[in-house]
Amino acid sequence: MIIAVEGPSAAGKTTWCRKAVDEFIGEYVPTGVEPDGSDPEHQARYWTGVNADRWSQAIELEHRAGLAVCDSDPLKLHYSWCLARIGAAPISRFLHELTFVREAMSRRQLGFADAILVTLPSEAVLRRQKDGDATRSRRTFELHARLRGPLEQWYRSMDRLRPGAVIWDLQTTAVGDLSTTLRPDRRYDVELLDALVFELPRIG
């Protein structure tokens, strides 16, 4: 089983993962050489590759341990959509990434997590938790705090298509609560991906 833990910056995802399991797939760490967006196709290929690498790590951990918990959703397609939703990026960025993600999914290189645990603290709580964590700078916190609403819209859409796969109460959810109720039957379902995109609120 593959479980993704998702939420805004400073929502407590990493803290939950550390408490829940001994080993998990960490979130992406910026390298300083990320695409600047001047070439949308290169940018889409880069991020799809990054996310496919994390998915591959999750598959390997699942095979080895029976369970893989991921600190943030390996699919990560929601990020470019959320940016477009608040006007921080053109919708073309999302559409380019969608093309590459569809191809990767059809090749079983990237897929849907079996369960997604979503936590959406209020902005006040996010700020308090950010200020209380001296180990991370969170330089993009202001931008990411604005993504809270669109992130909820994304996973509400997913919830309507996959009832039971999205869990909205991270704080009281344990890994053992999920392992017997969900099955990895739609990981590489491109039709589900298309349905999700259709279900999302319109942009523009």
N, C-alpha and C. Protein backbone atom coordinates (compact mmCIF):
# COMPACT_ATOMS: atom_id res chain seq x y z
N MET A 1 0.84 -1.19 0.00
CA MET A 1 0.00 0.00 0.00
C MET A 1 0.87 1.24 0.00
N ILE A 2 0.44 2.24 -0.75
CA ILE A 2 1.13 3.53 -0.79
C ILE A 2 0.20 4.59 -0.24
N ILE A 3 0.66 5.30 0.76
CA ILE A 3 -0.11 6.35 1.41
C ILE A 3 0.62 7.67 1.22
N ALA A 4 -0.08 8.69 0.75
CA ALA A 4 0.49 10.03 0.61
C ALA A 4 -0.09 10.92 1.70
N VAL A 5 0.76 11.77 2.25
CA VAL A 5 0.33 12.74 3.25
C VAL A 5 0.47 14.12 2.63
N GLU A 6 -0.62 14.87 2.58
CA GLU A 6 -0.62 16.12 1.83
C GLU A 6 -1.22 17.25 2.65
N GLY A 7 -0.76 18.47 2.34
CA GLY A 7 -1.25 19.66 3.02
C GLY A 7 -0.33 20.82 2.73
N PRO A 8 -0.69 22.02 3.13
CA PRO A 8 0.16 23.19 2.88
C PRO A 8 1.48 23.11 3.64
N SER A 9 2.38 24.01 3.31
CA SER A 9 3.64 24.12 4.04
C SER A 9 3.36 24.40 5.51
N ALA A 10 4.08 23.71 6.40
CA ALA A 10 3.96 23.86 7.85
C ALA A 10 2.68 23.23 8.41
N ALA A 11 2.07 22.33 7.64
CA ALA A 11 0.83 21.69 8.10
C ALA A 11 1.08 20.53 9.05
N GLY A 12 2.33 20.07 9.15
CA GLY A 12 2.64 18.96 10.04
C GLY A 12 2.78 17.62 9.35
N LYS A 13 2.97 17.64 8.03
CA LYS A 13 3.08 16.38 7.27
C LYS A 13 4.29 15.56 7.71
N THR A 14 5.45 16.20 7.74
CA THR A 14 6.68 15.48 8.07
C THR A 14 6.63 14.96 9.50
N THR A 15 6.11 15.76 10.40
CA THR A 15 5.99 15.34 11.80
C THR A 15 5.13 14.09 11.91
N TRP A 16 4.01 14.06 11.19
CA TRP A 16 3.14 12.88 11.22
C TRP A 16 3.86 11.67 10.67
N CYS A 17 4.55 11.84 9.55
CA CYS A 17 5.26 10.71 8.93
C CYS A 17 6.29 10.12 9.89
N ARG A 18 7.02 10.99 10.57
CA ARG A 18 8.06 10.52 11.50
C ARG A 18 7.46 9.73 12.65
N LYS A 19 6.28 10.13 13.08
CA LYS A 19 5.63 9.43 14.19
C LYS A 19 4.98 8.13 13.73
N ALA A 20 4.53 8.11 12.48
CA ALA A 20 3.73 6.98 12.00
C ALA A 20 4.56 5.77 11.61
N VAL A 21 5.72 6.00 10.99
CA VAL A 21 6.52 4.90 10.45
C VAL A 21 8.00 5.16 10.67
N ASP A 22 8.78 4.10 10.63
CA ASP A 22 10.23 4.23 10.80
C ASP A 22 10.91 4.76 9.54
N GLU A 23 10.34 4.46 8.39
CA GLU A 23 10.93 4.87 7.11
C GLU A 23 9.83 5.37 6.20
N PHE A 24 10.09 6.49 5.54
CA PHE A 24 9.10 7.04 4.61
C PHE A 24 9.82 7.76 3.47
N ILE A 25 9.06 8.07 2.43
CA ILE A 25 9.60 8.78 1.28
C ILE A 25 9.52 10.27 1.57
N GLY A 26 10.66 10.91 1.71
CA GLY A 26 10.69 12.33 2.05
C GLY A 26 10.22 13.21 0.90
N GLU A 27 9.85 14.43 1.24
CA GLU A 27 9.43 15.37 0.21
C GLU A 27 10.64 15.80 -0.62
N TYR A 28 10.37 16.35 -1.77
CA TYR A 28 11.43 16.81 -2.66
C TYR A 28 12.21 17.95 -2.01
N VAL A 29 13.53 17.88 -2.10
CA VAL A 29 14.40 18.93 -1.56
C VAL A 29 14.98 19.71 -2.73
N PRO A 30 14.72 21.02 -2.81
CA PRO A 30 15.23 21.82 -3.93
C PRO A 30 16.74 21.71 -4.07
N THR A 31 17.19 21.68 -5.31
CA THR A 31 18.63 21.54 -5.60
C THR A 31 19.25 22.84 -6.06
N GLY A 32 18.42 23.81 -6.43
CA GLY A 32 18.94 25.07 -6.96
C GLY A 32 19.07 25.09 -8.46
N VAL A 33 18.78 23.97 -9.11
CA VAL A 33 18.89 23.91 -10.58
C VAL A 33 17.53 23.61 -11.21
N GLU A 34 16.46 23.90 -10.50
CA GLU A 34 15.12 23.67 -11.05
C GLU A 34 14.86 24.58 -12.25
N PRO A 35 14.07 24.14 -13.20
CA PRO A 35 13.76 24.96 -14.37
C PRO A 35 13.11 26.28 -13.97
N ASP A 36 13.43 27.34 -14.72
CA ASP A 36 12.89 28.66 -14.39
C ASP A 36 11.56 28.95 -15.08
N GLY A 37 11.08 28.02 -15.88
CA GLY A 37 9.80 28.20 -16.53
C GLY A 37 9.87 28.81 -17.91
N SER A 38 11.06 29.18 -18.35
CA SER A 38 11.18 29.79 -19.68
C SER A 38 10.89 28.78 -20.79
N ASP A 39 11.09 27.51 -20.50
CA ASP A 39 10.77 26.44 -21.45
C ASP A 39 9.74 25.53 -20.79
N PRO A 40 8.46 25.75 -21.04
CA PRO A 40 7.41 25.00 -20.35
C PRO A 40 7.51 23.49 -20.54
N GLU A 41 7.92 23.05 -21.72
CA GLU A 41 8.03 21.62 -21.95
C GLU A 41 9.14 21.01 -21.12
N HIS A 42 10.28 21.70 -21.05
CA HIS A 42 11.39 21.22 -20.22
C HIS A 42 10.98 21.20 -18.75
N GLN A 43 10.28 22.24 -18.33
CA GLN A 43 9.83 22.31 -16.95
C GLN A 43 8.90 21.15 -16.61
N ALA A 44 7.96 20.87 -17.51
CA ALA A 44 7.02 19.77 -17.28
C ALA A 44 7.74 18.42 -17.25
N ARG A 45 8.68 18.24 -18.15
CA ARG A 45 9.43 16.98 -18.19
C ARG A 45 10.25 16.82 -16.91
N TYR A 46 10.86 17.91 -16.46
CA TYR A 46 11.68 17.86 -15.25
C TYR A 46 10.85 17.42 -14.04
N TRP A 47 9.73 18.10 -13.81
CA TRP A 47 8.94 17.80 -12.61
C TRP A 47 8.26 16.45 -12.69
N THR A 48 7.88 16.04 -13.87
CA THR A 48 7.33 14.69 -14.00
C THR A 48 8.40 13.66 -13.68
N GLY A 49 9.62 13.92 -14.10
CA GLY A 49 10.73 13.02 -13.78
C GLY A 49 11.01 12.97 -12.29
N VAL A 50 11.00 14.12 -11.64
CA VAL A 50 11.19 14.18 -10.18
C VAL A 50 10.13 13.34 -9.48
N ASN A 51 8.89 13.53 -9.88
CA ASN A 51 7.78 12.83 -9.22
C ASN A 51 7.79 11.34 -9.53
N ALA A 52 8.20 10.99 -10.75
CA ALA A 52 8.32 9.56 -11.10
C ALA A 52 9.41 8.90 -10.26
N ASP A 53 10.49 9.63 -9.99
CA ASP A 53 11.55 9.09 -9.13
C ASP A 53 11.02 8.81 -7.72
N ARG A 54 10.24 9.73 -7.18
CA ARG A 54 9.66 9.52 -5.85
C ARG A 54 8.68 8.35 -5.86
N TRP A 55 7.91 8.23 -6.94
CA TRP A 55 6.99 7.09 -7.06
C TRP A 55 7.76 5.78 -7.10
N SER A 56 8.85 5.76 -7.83
CA SER A 56 9.68 4.55 -7.90
C SER A 56 10.22 4.19 -6.52
N GLN A 57 10.62 5.19 -5.75
CA GLN A 57 11.09 4.94 -4.39
C GLN A 57 9.96 4.36 -3.53
N ALA A 58 8.75 4.88 -3.73
CA ALA A 58 7.60 4.37 -2.97
C ALA A 58 7.30 2.92 -3.32
N ILE A 59 7.36 2.60 -4.60
CA ILE A 59 7.13 1.21 -5.03
C ILE A 59 8.17 0.29 -4.42
N GLU A 60 9.42 0.72 -4.42
CA GLU A 60 10.50 -0.11 -3.86
C GLU A 60 10.29 -0.33 -2.37
N LEU A 61 9.91 0.73 -1.65
CA LEU A 61 9.68 0.61 -0.22
C LEU A 61 8.47 -0.28 0.06
N GLU A 62 7.44 -0.15 -0.74
CA GLU A 62 6.26 -1.01 -0.59
C GLU A 62 6.63 -2.48 -0.78
N HIS A 63 7.41 -2.77 -1.80
CA HIS A 63 7.83 -4.15 -2.05
C HIS A 63 8.65 -4.70 -0.88
N ARG A 64 9.45 -3.83 -0.30
CA ARG A 64 10.35 -4.27 0.78
C ARG A 64 9.65 -4.35 2.13
N ALA A 65 8.75 -3.40 2.40
CA ALA A 65 8.16 -3.31 3.73
C ALA A 65 6.65 -3.54 3.76
N GLY A 66 6.03 -3.60 2.59
CA GLY A 66 4.59 -3.79 2.55
C GLY A 66 3.80 -2.50 2.60
N LEU A 67 4.47 -1.40 2.95
CA LEU A 67 3.80 -0.11 3.09
C LEU A 67 4.79 1.00 2.77
N ALA A 68 4.34 1.99 2.03
CA ALA A 68 5.16 3.17 1.75
C ALA A 68 4.36 4.41 2.07
N VAL A 69 4.85 5.20 3.01
CA VAL A 69 4.24 6.49 3.34
C VAL A 69 5.07 7.58 2.68
N CYS A 70 4.39 8.49 2.00
CA CYS A 70 5.08 9.55 1.25
C CYS A 70 4.75 10.91 1.85
N ASP A 71 5.78 11.65 2.18
CA ASP A 71 5.62 13.02 2.67
C ASP A 71 5.37 13.92 1.47
N SER A 72 4.13 14.13 1.16
CA SER A 72 3.56 14.83 0.00
C SER A 72 3.31 13.83 -1.12
N ASP A 73 2.29 14.09 -1.88
CA ASP A 73 1.79 13.19 -2.92
C ASP A 73 2.80 13.08 -4.06
N PRO A 74 3.29 11.88 -4.38
CA PRO A 74 4.24 11.75 -5.49
C PRO A 74 3.68 12.25 -6.82
N LEU A 75 2.37 12.15 -7.01
CA LEU A 75 1.78 12.62 -8.27
C LEU A 75 2.02 14.12 -8.46
N LYS A 76 1.75 14.89 -7.43
CA LYS A 76 2.10 16.32 -7.33
C LYS A 76 1.56 17.19 -8.46
N LEU A 77 0.70 16.66 -9.29
CA LEU A 77 0.14 17.45 -10.38
C LEU A 77 -0.70 18.61 -9.86
N HIS A 78 -1.17 18.45 -8.64
CA HIS A 78 -2.00 19.51 -8.06
C HIS A 78 -1.26 20.83 -7.92
N TYR A 79 0.06 20.78 -7.80
CA TYR A 79 0.81 22.01 -7.50
C TYR A 79 0.67 23.03 -8.62
N SER A 80 0.89 22.62 -9.86
CA SER A 80 0.79 23.57 -10.97
C SER A 80 -0.65 24.03 -11.17
N TRP A 81 -1.62 23.15 -10.87
CA TRP A 81 -3.02 23.56 -10.98
C TRP A 81 -3.35 24.59 -9.90
N CYS A 82 -2.88 24.37 -8.69
CA CYS A 82 -3.13 25.32 -7.60
C CYS A 82 -2.50 26.68 -7.90
N LEU A 83 -1.29 26.67 -8.45
CA LEU A 83 -0.65 27.93 -8.82
C LEU A 83 -1.49 28.68 -9.84
N ALA A 84 -1.99 27.96 -10.83
CA ALA A 84 -2.84 28.59 -11.84
C ALA A 84 -4.14 29.10 -11.21
N ARG A 85 -4.66 28.37 -10.26
CA ARG A 85 -5.92 28.73 -9.62
C ARG A 85 -5.83 30.07 -8.91
N ILE A 86 -4.66 30.39 -8.33
CA ILE A 86 -4.51 31.67 -7.63
C ILE A 86 -3.85 32.72 -8.52
N GLY A 87 -3.59 32.39 -9.78
CA GLY A 87 -3.00 33.35 -10.70
C GLY A 87 -1.50 33.50 -10.58
N ALA A 88 -0.84 32.54 -9.93
CA ALA A 88 0.61 32.63 -9.73
C ALA A 88 1.39 31.94 -10.84
N ALA A 89 0.71 31.26 -11.74
CA ALA A 89 1.35 30.60 -12.89
C ALA A 89 0.30 30.45 -13.98
N PRO A 90 0.71 30.42 -15.23
CA PRO A 90 -0.26 30.24 -16.31
C PRO A 90 -0.82 28.82 -16.32
N ILE A 91 -2.06 28.69 -16.78
CA ILE A 91 -2.67 27.37 -16.86
C ILE A 91 -1.89 26.47 -17.81
N SER A 92 -1.14 27.07 -18.73
CA SER A 92 -0.35 26.27 -19.68
C SER A 92 0.68 25.42 -18.96
N ARG A 93 1.18 25.88 -17.82
CA ARG A 93 2.14 25.06 -17.07
C ARG A 93 1.47 23.76 -16.64
N PHE A 94 0.27 23.87 -16.10
CA PHE A 94 -0.46 22.67 -15.69
C PHE A 94 -0.75 21.76 -16.88
N LEU A 95 -1.16 22.33 -17.99
CA LEU A 95 -1.52 21.52 -19.16
C LEU A 95 -0.30 20.79 -19.72
N HIS A 96 0.86 21.45 -19.71
CA HIS A 96 2.09 20.76 -20.14
C HIS A 96 2.39 19.59 -19.21
N GLU A 97 2.30 19.83 -17.90
CA GLU A 97 2.59 18.76 -16.94
C GLU A 97 1.57 17.63 -17.07
N LEU A 98 0.33 17.98 -17.30
CA LEU A 98 -0.70 16.95 -17.46
C LEU A 98 -0.36 16.01 -18.61
N THR A 99 0.13 16.55 -19.70
CA THR A 99 0.50 15.72 -20.84
C THR A 99 1.58 14.72 -20.47
N PHE A 100 2.61 15.20 -19.76
CA PHE A 100 3.70 14.31 -19.38
C PHE A 100 3.27 13.32 -18.31
N VAL A 101 2.42 13.75 -17.39
CA VAL A 101 1.94 12.85 -16.34
C VAL A 101 1.08 11.74 -16.94
N ARG A 102 0.22 12.08 -17.90
CA ARG A 102 -0.60 11.05 -18.56
C ARG A 102 0.29 9.98 -19.20
N GLU A 103 1.34 10.44 -19.86
CA GLU A 103 2.25 9.50 -20.51
C GLU A 103 2.95 8.63 -19.48
N ALA A 104 3.44 9.25 -18.40
CA ALA A 104 4.12 8.49 -17.36
C ALA A 104 3.18 7.49 -16.70
N MET A 105 1.93 7.88 -16.49
CA MET A 105 0.96 6.98 -15.87
C MET A 105 0.64 5.81 -16.79
N SER A 106 0.52 6.09 -18.07
CA SER A 106 0.23 5.00 -19.01
C SER A 106 1.37 3.99 -19.07
N ARG A 107 2.57 4.44 -18.72
CA ARG A 107 3.74 3.55 -18.68
C ARG A 107 3.98 2.98 -17.28
N ARG A 108 3.08 3.29 -16.35
CA ARG A 108 3.18 2.82 -14.96
C ARG A 108 4.44 3.35 -14.28
N GLN A 109 4.84 4.54 -14.64
CA GLN A 109 5.99 5.19 -14.03
C GLN A 109 5.57 6.17 -12.93
N LEU A 110 4.28 6.45 -12.86
CA LEU A 110 3.75 7.40 -11.89
C LEU A 110 2.28 7.07 -11.71
N GLY A 111 1.81 7.16 -10.47
CA GLY A 111 0.43 6.75 -10.25
C GLY A 111 -0.22 7.43 -9.07
N PHE A 112 -1.47 7.03 -8.82
CA PHE A 112 -2.23 7.53 -7.68
C PHE A 112 -1.86 6.74 -6.43
N ALA A 113 -1.66 7.43 -5.34
CA ALA A 113 -1.50 6.74 -4.06
C ALA A 113 -2.81 6.03 -3.71
N ASP A 114 -2.71 4.96 -2.95
CA ASP A 114 -3.89 4.19 -2.57
C ASP A 114 -4.76 4.97 -1.58
N ALA A 115 -4.12 5.77 -0.76
CA ALA A 115 -4.84 6.63 0.18
C ALA A 115 -4.09 7.95 0.29
N ILE A 116 -4.83 9.03 0.46
CA ILE A 116 -4.23 10.34 0.64
C ILE A 116 -4.76 10.93 1.93
N LEU A 117 -3.88 11.20 2.86
CA LEU A 117 -4.25 11.85 4.11
C LEU A 117 -4.01 13.34 3.94
N VAL A 118 -5.07 14.13 4.04
CA VAL A 118 -4.98 15.56 3.79
C VAL A 118 -5.23 16.33 5.08
N THR A 119 -4.32 17.25 5.38
CA THR A 119 -4.49 18.11 6.54
C THR A 119 -4.49 19.56 6.08
N LEU A 120 -5.48 20.33 6.54
CA LEU A 120 -5.65 21.71 6.09
C LEU A 120 -5.84 22.64 7.29
N PRO A 121 -4.80 22.85 8.08
CA PRO A 121 -4.92 23.77 9.21
C PRO A 121 -5.25 25.18 8.74
N SER A 122 -5.81 25.98 9.62
CA SER A 122 -6.07 27.37 9.29
C SER A 122 -4.76 28.11 9.06
N GLU A 123 -4.85 29.27 8.40
CA GLU A 123 -3.63 30.04 8.15
C GLU A 123 -2.95 30.43 9.45
N ALA A 124 -3.73 30.73 10.48
CA ALA A 124 -3.15 31.10 11.77
C ALA A 124 -2.34 29.95 12.35
N VAL A 125 -2.87 28.74 12.25
CA VAL A 125 -2.15 27.57 12.75
C VAL A 125 -0.89 27.32 11.91
N LEU A 126 -1.00 27.46 10.61
CA LEU A 126 0.17 27.28 9.74
C LEU A 126 1.28 28.25 10.13
N ARG A 127 0.92 29.50 10.37
CA ARG A 127 1.93 30.50 10.73
C ARG A 127 2.55 30.18 12.08
N ARG A 128 1.74 29.74 13.02
CA ARG A 128 2.26 29.40 14.33
C ARG A 128 3.22 28.22 14.24
N GLN A 129 2.86 27.22 13.45
CA GLN A 129 3.74 26.05 13.31
C GLN A 129 5.00 26.41 12.53
N LYS A 130 4.88 27.28 11.55
CA LYS A 130 6.07 27.74 10.82
C LYS A 130 7.02 28.46 11.77
N ASP A 131 6.48 29.38 12.57
CA ASP A 131 7.33 30.15 13.48
C ASP A 131 7.95 29.27 14.56
N GLY A 132 7.30 28.14 14.87
CA GLY A 132 7.81 27.26 15.90
C GLY A 132 8.81 26.24 15.42
N ASP A 133 9.07 26.22 14.12
CA ASP A 133 10.02 25.26 13.54
C ASP A 133 11.26 25.99 13.06
N ALA A 134 12.29 26.00 13.89
CA ALA A 134 13.52 26.72 13.55
C ALA A 134 14.42 25.92 12.62
N THR A 135 14.05 24.69 12.31
CA THR A 135 14.92 23.85 11.47
C THR A 135 14.72 24.11 9.99
N ARG A 136 13.66 24.83 9.61
CA ARG A 136 13.38 25.05 8.20
C ARG A 136 13.04 26.52 7.95
N SER A 137 13.55 27.06 6.84
CA SER A 137 13.34 28.48 6.55
C SER A 137 11.98 28.75 5.93
N ARG A 138 11.47 27.82 5.12
CA ARG A 138 10.18 27.96 4.45
C ARG A 138 10.07 29.31 3.75
N ARG A 139 11.01 29.57 2.85
CA ARG A 139 11.05 30.86 2.16
C ARG A 139 9.85 31.09 1.25
N THR A 140 9.19 30.03 0.83
CA THR A 140 8.02 30.17 -0.04
C THR A 140 6.71 30.03 0.73
N PHE A 141 6.78 30.23 2.05
CA PHE A 141 5.59 30.00 2.88
C PHE A 141 4.41 30.86 2.45
N GLU A 142 4.63 32.14 2.18
CA GLU A 142 3.52 33.04 1.86
C GLU A 142 2.77 32.55 0.62
N LEU A 143 3.52 32.13 -0.39
CA LEU A 143 2.88 31.60 -1.60
C LEU A 143 2.12 30.32 -1.28
N HIS A 144 2.76 29.42 -0.57
CA HIS A 144 2.15 28.12 -0.30
C HIS A 144 0.93 28.23 0.61
N ALA A 145 0.91 29.22 1.49
CA ALA A 145 -0.26 29.42 2.34
C ALA A 145 -1.48 29.78 1.50
N ARG A 146 -1.26 30.44 0.39
CA ARG A 146 -2.37 30.82 -0.51
C ARG A 146 -2.91 29.61 -1.28
N LEU A 147 -2.16 28.53 -1.30
CA LEU A 147 -2.59 27.35 -2.05
C LEU A 147 -3.52 26.45 -1.24
N ARG A 148 -3.77 26.81 0.00
CA ARG A 148 -4.59 25.95 0.86
C ARG A 148 -5.97 25.69 0.25
N GLY A 149 -6.63 26.76 -0.21
CA GLY A 149 -7.97 26.62 -0.77
C GLY A 149 -8.00 25.76 -2.03
N PRO A 150 -7.16 26.07 -3.03
CA PRO A 150 -7.12 25.23 -4.22
C PRO A 150 -6.73 23.78 -3.94
N LEU A 151 -5.84 23.58 -2.95
CA LEU A 151 -5.45 22.22 -2.60
C LEU A 151 -6.66 21.44 -2.10
N GLU A 152 -7.48 22.08 -1.31
CA GLU A 152 -8.71 21.42 -0.84
C GLU A 152 -9.63 21.11 -2.01
N GLN A 153 -9.76 22.05 -2.95
CA GLN A 153 -10.61 21.81 -4.12
C GLN A 153 -10.13 20.60 -4.92
N TRP A 154 -8.82 20.48 -5.06
CA TRP A 154 -8.26 19.35 -5.81
C TRP A 154 -8.65 18.02 -5.16
N TYR A 155 -8.42 17.93 -3.84
CA TYR A 155 -8.68 16.65 -3.18
C TYR A 155 -10.16 16.41 -2.90
N ARG A 156 -10.97 17.47 -2.84
CA ARG A 156 -12.42 17.26 -2.80
C ARG A 156 -12.89 16.63 -4.11
N SER A 157 -12.32 17.09 -5.21
CA SER A 157 -12.65 16.49 -6.51
C SER A 157 -12.23 15.03 -6.54
N MET A 158 -11.04 14.74 -6.03
CA MET A 158 -10.57 13.36 -5.96
C MET A 158 -11.48 12.52 -5.07
N ASP A 159 -11.91 13.10 -3.97
CA ASP A 159 -12.77 12.39 -3.02
C ASP A 159 -14.09 11.99 -3.66
N ARG A 160 -14.63 12.84 -4.51
CA ARG A 160 -15.89 12.51 -5.18
C ARG A 160 -15.72 11.35 -6.15
N LEU A 161 -14.54 11.23 -6.74
CA LEU A 161 -14.29 10.17 -7.71
C LEU A 161 -13.81 8.88 -7.06
N ARG A 162 -13.17 9.00 -5.90
CA ARG A 162 -12.64 7.82 -5.20
C ARG A 162 -13.09 7.87 -3.74
N PRO A 163 -14.36 7.68 -3.48
CA PRO A 163 -14.85 7.76 -2.10
C PRO A 163 -14.07 6.84 -1.17
N GLY A 164 -13.61 7.40 -0.07
CA GLY A 164 -12.87 6.62 0.91
C GLY A 164 -11.37 6.68 0.75
N ALA A 165 -10.88 7.15 -0.39
CA ALA A 165 -9.43 7.18 -0.61
C ALA A 165 -8.79 8.42 -0.02
N VAL A 166 -9.58 9.48 0.18
CA VAL A 166 -9.06 10.72 0.76
C VAL A 166 -9.53 10.80 2.21
N ILE A 167 -8.59 10.91 3.12
CA ILE A 167 -8.88 10.97 4.55
C ILE A 167 -8.58 12.39 5.02
N TRP A 168 -9.55 13.01 5.68
CA TRP A 168 -9.44 14.43 6.02
C TRP A 168 -9.03 14.69 7.46
N ASP A 169 -8.75 13.67 8.23
CA ASP A 169 -8.43 13.85 9.65
C ASP A 169 -7.07 13.23 9.93
N LEU A 170 -6.04 13.96 9.61
CA LEU A 170 -4.68 13.43 9.75
C LEU A 170 -4.34 13.14 11.21
N GLN A 171 -4.74 14.02 12.11
CA GLN A 171 -4.27 13.93 13.48
C GLN A 171 -4.74 12.68 14.20
N THR A 172 -5.91 12.16 13.83
CA THR A 172 -6.43 10.98 14.54
C THR A 172 -6.37 9.72 13.69
N THR A 173 -5.71 9.81 12.55
CA THR A 173 -5.62 8.65 11.66
C THR A 173 -4.31 7.92 11.88
N ALA A 174 -4.37 6.61 12.01
CA ALA A 174 -3.18 5.77 12.12
C ALA A 174 -3.07 4.92 10.87
N VAL A 175 -1.84 4.54 10.54
CA VAL A 175 -1.61 3.73 9.35
C VAL A 175 -2.44 2.46 9.40
N GLY A 176 -2.55 1.86 10.58
CA GLY A 176 -3.31 0.63 10.71
C GLY A 176 -4.79 0.77 10.40
N ASP A 177 -5.29 2.01 10.48
CA ASP A 177 -6.70 2.23 10.16
C ASP A 177 -6.98 2.10 8.68
N LEU A 178 -5.93 2.18 7.85
CA LEU A 178 -6.10 2.23 6.41
C LEU A 178 -5.76 0.92 5.72
N SER A 179 -4.88 0.16 6.29
CA SER A 179 -4.29 -0.96 5.57
C SER A 179 -5.30 -2.04 5.17
N THR A 180 -6.41 -2.13 5.87
CA THR A 180 -7.37 -3.20 5.55
C THR A 180 -8.60 -2.69 4.80
N THR A 181 -8.67 -1.40 4.51
CA THR A 181 -9.88 -0.85 3.91
C THR A 181 -9.70 -0.39 2.47
N LEU A 182 -8.48 -0.18 2.02
CA LEU A 182 -8.25 0.35 0.68
C LEU A 182 -7.39 -0.61 -0.13
N ARG A 183 -7.64 -0.65 -1.44
CA ARG A 183 -6.90 -1.55 -2.30
C ARG A 183 -6.29 -0.78 -3.48
N PRO A 184 -5.08 -1.18 -3.89
CA PRO A 184 -4.40 -0.47 -4.98
C PRO A 184 -4.92 -0.87 -6.36
N ASP A 185 -6.20 -0.55 -6.63
CA ASP A 185 -6.81 -1.04 -7.86
C ASP A 185 -6.86 0.00 -8.98
N ARG A 186 -6.50 1.26 -8.67
CA ARG A 186 -6.63 2.30 -9.70
C ARG A 186 -5.37 3.17 -9.79
N ARG A 187 -4.26 2.61 -9.46
CA ARG A 187 -3.03 3.40 -9.43
C ARG A 187 -2.69 4.04 -10.78
N TYR A 188 -2.87 3.29 -11.83
CA TYR A 188 -2.42 3.75 -13.15
C TYR A 188 -3.60 3.98 -14.09
N ASP A 189 -4.70 4.42 -13.54
CA ASP A 189 -5.94 4.60 -14.29
C ASP A 189 -5.94 5.98 -14.95
N VAL A 190 -5.56 6.03 -16.22
CA VAL A 190 -5.51 7.30 -16.95
C VAL A 190 -6.91 7.89 -17.09
N GLU A 191 -7.92 7.04 -17.20
CA GLU A 191 -9.29 7.54 -17.29
C GLU A 191 -9.69 8.26 -16.00
N LEU A 192 -9.21 7.78 -14.87
CA LEU A 192 -9.46 8.45 -13.60
C LEU A 192 -8.78 9.82 -13.59
N LEU A 193 -7.57 9.88 -14.12
CA LEU A 193 -6.86 11.16 -14.21
C LEU A 193 -7.66 12.15 -15.05
N ASP A 194 -8.15 11.70 -16.18
CA ASP A 194 -8.95 12.57 -17.05
C ASP A 194 -10.23 13.02 -16.34
N ALA A 195 -10.85 12.10 -15.62
CA ALA A 195 -12.07 12.44 -14.90
C ALA A 195 -11.80 13.46 -13.81
N LEU A 196 -10.64 13.33 -13.15
CA LEU A 196 -10.26 14.28 -12.11
C LEU A 196 -10.11 15.68 -12.70
N VAL A 197 -9.43 15.78 -13.81
CA VAL A 197 -9.23 17.09 -14.45
C VAL A 197 -10.57 17.69 -14.84
N PHE A 198 -11.47 16.87 -15.33
CA PHE A 198 -12.80 17.35 -15.72
C PHE A 198 -13.60 17.80 -14.50
N GLU A 199 -13.37 17.15 -13.37
CA GLU A 199 -14.12 17.44 -12.14
C GLU A 199 -13.67 18.74 -11.47
N LEU A 200 -12.45 19.17 -11.74
CA LEU A 200 -11.89 20.35 -11.08
C LEU A 200 -12.64 21.62 -11.47
N PRO A 201 -12.68 22.62 -10.58
CA PRO A 201 -13.26 23.91 -10.95
C PRO A 201 -12.52 24.51 -12.15
N ARG A 202 -13.27 25.21 -12.98
CA ARG A 202 -12.66 25.82 -14.16
C ARG A 202 -11.74 26.98 -13.77
N ILE A 203 -10.69 27.15 -14.55
CA ILE A 203 -9.77 28.27 -14.37
C ILE A 203 -9.86 29.17 -15.59
N GLY A 204 -10.07 30.46 -15.36
CA GLY A 204 -10.14 31.41 -16.47
C GLY A 204 -11.50 31.46 -17.13
